[in-house]
Amino acid sequence: MTLKETIDKLPLGESETKSEDIRSFKRAYQYCIWLLSKRDYSRYKLSQKLYEKKYTPFIDQLLDFLEEAKYLQEEQYIRTRIKTFMYKGLSKRNILNKLRSERVEPSTELIDELFDEYRYTENGQLRDLINKKLRSKGVSALEDFNFKQKLIRFLLSKGHSYDKINTELKNVQNDEESNAQNSPF
């Protein structure tokens, strides 16, 4: 369906407001195209942007048209957000909660699929985050109670479970000890 066909199907008011409604719809359309040229949006976020700009009468029709024309792609938005959260080290559960707070309903299968596709695991994420925090201080910093508690709080804020965090911290310490024993220096 073209933009003109979509406009023709709008429930427009009387003749004096009809031309204003059409202009408003076209302005809203141009605004959406401008926003979507910058980055992907979910249907909900885009509708919020339109409400802020007072383009309220025909938001649903406009969003339907944008989806039909493939300008607004909810699936692509979800995939991009999952990858972003994944790279930030968020757990699968935390990713799901963040997306739900954005009023997007991803499937757990999609999250699992992307984790597999990019060969990410929650344990690998934990290991990367721990190594990143230990980069400047070394593994010996884990002996400092305050530093270790701060690190645990940081990892908990990423949505990882306390048990997995403790297991991974022990693995990091054990790896360091075995490397120290095998080192010729």
Protein backbone atom coordinates (compact mmCIF):
# COMPACT_ATOMS: atom_id res chain seq x y z
CA MET A 1 0.00 0.00 0.00
CA THR A 2 1.33 3.46 -0.85
CA LEU A 3 1.28 6.54 1.34
CA LYS A 4 -1.51 8.03 -0.79
CA GLU A 5 -3.65 4.90 -0.40
CA THR A 6 -3.07 4.98 3.35
CA ILE A 7 -4.09 8.65 3.51
CA ASP A 8 -7.23 7.89 1.48
CA LYS A 9 -8.28 5.28 4.06
CA LEU A 10 -7.86 7.62 7.05
CA PRO A 11 -11.06 8.58 8.88
CA LEU A 12 -10.68 12.29 8.15
CA GLY A 13 -12.91 15.03 9.53
CA GLU A 14 -14.85 17.71 7.69
CA SER A 15 -13.48 19.34 4.57
CA GLU A 16 -11.91 22.32 6.41
CA THR A 17 -9.93 20.04 8.76
CA LYS A 18 -9.28 17.36 6.15
CA SER A 19 -6.36 19.16 4.50
CA GLU A 20 -4.85 19.95 7.92
CA ASP A 21 -5.19 16.28 8.92
CA ILE A 22 -3.45 15.20 5.74
CA ARG A 23 -0.63 17.71 6.33
CA SER A 24 -0.30 16.51 9.90
CA PHE A 25 -0.16 12.87 8.77
CA LYS A 26 2.54 13.69 6.20
CA ARG A 27 4.57 15.63 8.79
CA ALA A 28 4.31 12.70 11.19
CA TYR A 29 5.38 10.35 8.40
CA GLN A 30 8.42 12.51 7.58
CA TYR A 31 9.30 12.74 11.27
CA CYS A 32 9.16 8.94 11.58
CA ILE A 33 11.34 8.46 8.50
CA TRP A 34 13.86 10.93 9.91
CA LEU A 35 13.92 9.10 13.28
CA LEU A 36 14.21 5.67 11.65
CA SER A 37 17.05 6.89 9.44
CA LYS A 38 19.06 7.54 12.61
CA ARG A 39 18.41 4.18 14.34
CA ASP A 40 15.85 1.41 14.84
CA TYR A 41 12.87 1.97 17.13
CA SER A 42 10.27 -0.32 18.58
CA ARG A 43 6.65 0.35 17.74
CA TYR A 44 6.05 1.51 21.31
CA LYS A 45 9.02 3.93 21.40
CA LEU A 46 8.08 5.40 18.05
CA SER A 47 4.50 5.90 19.18
CA GLN A 48 5.81 7.69 22.29
CA LYS A 49 7.88 10.00 20.10
CA LEU A 50 4.78 10.78 18.03
CA TYR A 51 2.70 11.47 21.16
CA GLU A 52 5.41 13.88 22.39
CA LYS A 53 5.15 15.78 19.09
CA LYS A 54 1.32 15.81 19.34
CA TYR A 55 0.77 13.68 16.21
CA THR A 56 -1.97 11.74 18.01
CA PRO A 57 -4.96 11.32 15.64
CA PHE A 58 -3.55 8.70 13.27
CA ILE A 59 -0.61 7.10 15.08
CA ASP A 60 -1.79 3.51 14.68
CA GLN A 61 -2.47 3.91 10.97
CA LEU A 62 0.93 5.51 10.44
CA LEU A 63 2.75 2.79 12.39
CA ASP A 64 0.85 0.10 10.48
CA PHE A 65 1.91 1.72 7.21
CA LEU A 66 5.56 1.95 8.35
CA GLU A 67 5.53 -1.74 9.31
CA GLU A 68 3.94 -2.73 6.02
CA ALA A 69 6.50 -0.67 4.11
CA LYS A 70 9.27 -2.37 6.17
CA TYR A 71 10.54 0.89 7.63
CA LEU A 72 9.57 -0.17 11.13
CA GLN A 73 10.93 -3.64 11.85
CA GLU A 74 10.27 -4.81 15.38
CA GLU A 75 12.20 -8.07 14.91
CA GLN A 76 15.33 -6.21 13.77
CA TYR A 77 15.01 -3.82 16.71
CA ILE A 78 14.76 -6.74 19.16
CA ARG A 79 17.79 -8.49 17.66
CA THR A 80 19.86 -5.30 17.82
CA ARG A 81 18.90 -4.63 21.44
CA ILE A 82 19.69 -8.22 22.46
CA LYS A 83 23.14 -7.98 20.85
CA THR A 84 23.79 -4.64 22.56
CA PHE A 85 22.84 -6.01 25.97
CA MET A 86 24.78 -9.20 25.30
CA TYR A 87 27.98 -7.25 24.57
CA LYS A 88 27.47 -5.27 27.78
CA GLY A 89 27.59 -8.54 29.72
CA LEU A 90 23.95 -8.75 30.78
CA SER A 91 22.55 -12.16 31.62
CA LYS A 92 19.76 -13.69 29.53
CA ARG A 93 17.25 -13.05 32.30
CA ASN A 94 18.32 -9.41 32.61
CA ILE A 95 18.09 -8.93 28.83
CA LEU A 96 14.56 -10.30 28.87
CA ASN A 97 13.57 -7.95 31.72
CA LYS A 98 15.11 -4.89 30.05
CA LEU A 99 13.31 -5.59 26.79
CA ARG A 100 10.03 -6.10 28.62
CA SER A 101 10.55 -2.73 30.30
CA GLU A 102 10.78 -1.28 26.77
CA ARG A 103 7.42 -2.98 26.07
CA VAL A 104 8.94 -5.44 23.65
CA GLU A 105 8.24 -9.16 24.00
CA PRO A 106 11.22 -11.18 22.80
CA SER A 107 11.16 -14.94 22.98
CA THR A 108 13.69 -16.73 25.15
CA GLU A 109 14.42 -18.86 22.08
CA LEU A 110 15.55 -15.76 20.18
CA ILE A 111 17.87 -14.77 23.02
CA ASP A 112 19.28 -18.31 23.16
CA GLU A 113 19.67 -18.33 19.37
CA LEU A 114 21.67 -15.08 19.39
CA PHE A 115 23.84 -16.27 22.28
CA ASP A 116 24.59 -19.44 20.28
CA GLU A 117 25.10 -17.55 17.02
CA TYR A 118 27.72 -15.28 18.58
CA ARG A 119 29.12 -18.11 20.72
CA TYR A 120 28.38 -16.32 23.96
CA THR A 121 27.71 -18.05 27.24
CA GLU A 122 26.78 -16.54 30.57
CA ASN A 123 29.90 -18.10 32.11
CA GLY A 124 32.00 -16.61 29.32
CA GLN A 125 30.40 -13.21 29.95
CA LEU A 126 31.20 -13.51 33.65
CA ARG A 127 34.78 -14.49 32.89
CA ASP A 128 35.20 -11.52 30.52
CA LEU A 129 33.71 -9.06 33.02
CA ILE A 130 35.87 -10.40 35.86
CA ASN A 131 39.03 -10.27 33.73
CA LYS A 132 38.19 -6.74 32.65
CA LYS A 133 37.88 -5.59 36.27
CA LEU A 134 41.08 -7.45 37.24
CA ARG A 135 43.11 -6.19 34.29
CA SER A 136 44.76 -3.34 36.17
CA LYS A 137 44.81 -4.88 39.66
CA GLY A 138 45.60 -8.53 39.01
CA VAL A 139 43.97 -11.63 40.46
CA SER A 140 45.51 -10.93 43.86
CA ALA A 141 42.97 -8.09 44.22
CA LEU A 142 40.32 -10.77 44.86
CA GLU A 143 41.89 -11.31 48.29
CA ASP A 144 40.77 -7.79 49.25
CA PHE A 145 37.32 -8.26 50.81
CA ASN A 146 35.99 -4.81 49.81
CA PHE A 147 37.15 -5.15 46.20
CA LYS A 148 35.64 -8.63 45.92
CA GLN A 149 32.29 -7.44 47.32
CA LYS A 150 32.29 -4.50 44.92
CA LEU A 151 33.01 -6.87 42.02
CA ILE A 152 30.22 -9.22 43.12
CA ARG A 153 27.74 -6.31 43.33
CA PHE A 154 28.76 -5.20 39.83
CA LEU A 155 28.22 -8.71 38.43
CA LEU A 156 24.89 -9.04 40.25
CA SER A 157 23.79 -5.75 38.66
CA LYS A 158 24.35 -7.39 35.27
CA GLY A 159 21.78 -10.03 36.24
CA HIS A 160 24.09 -12.95 36.94
CA SER A 161 23.31 -15.33 39.79
CA TYR A 162 25.35 -15.31 42.98
CA ASP A 163 26.20 -19.01 42.62
CA LYS A 164 27.56 -18.58 39.09
CA ILE A 165 29.55 -15.52 40.16
CA ASN A 166 31.20 -17.38 43.05
CA THR A 167 31.94 -20.38 40.84
CA GLU A 168 33.53 -18.20 38.17
CA LEU A 169 35.56 -16.23 40.75
CA LYS A 170 36.92 -19.53 42.11
CA ASN A 171 37.73 -20.67 38.56
CA VAL A 172 39.64 -17.44 37.89
CA GLN A 173 41.61 -17.85 41.12
CA ASN A 174 42.32 -21.53 40.37
CA ASP A 175 43.45 -20.72 36.83
CA GLU A 176 45.82 -18.08 38.18
CA GLU A 177 47.24 -20.51 40.74
CA SER A 178 47.79 -23.23 38.13
CA ASN A 179 49.42 -20.70 35.78
CA ALA A 180 51.72 -19.56 38.59
CA GLN A 181 52.75 -23.16 39.36
CA ASN A 182 53.43 -23.97 35.69
CA SER A 183 55.36 -20.77 35.03
CA PRO A 184 59.15 -21.17 34.77
CA PHE A 185 59.66 -17.74 36.35
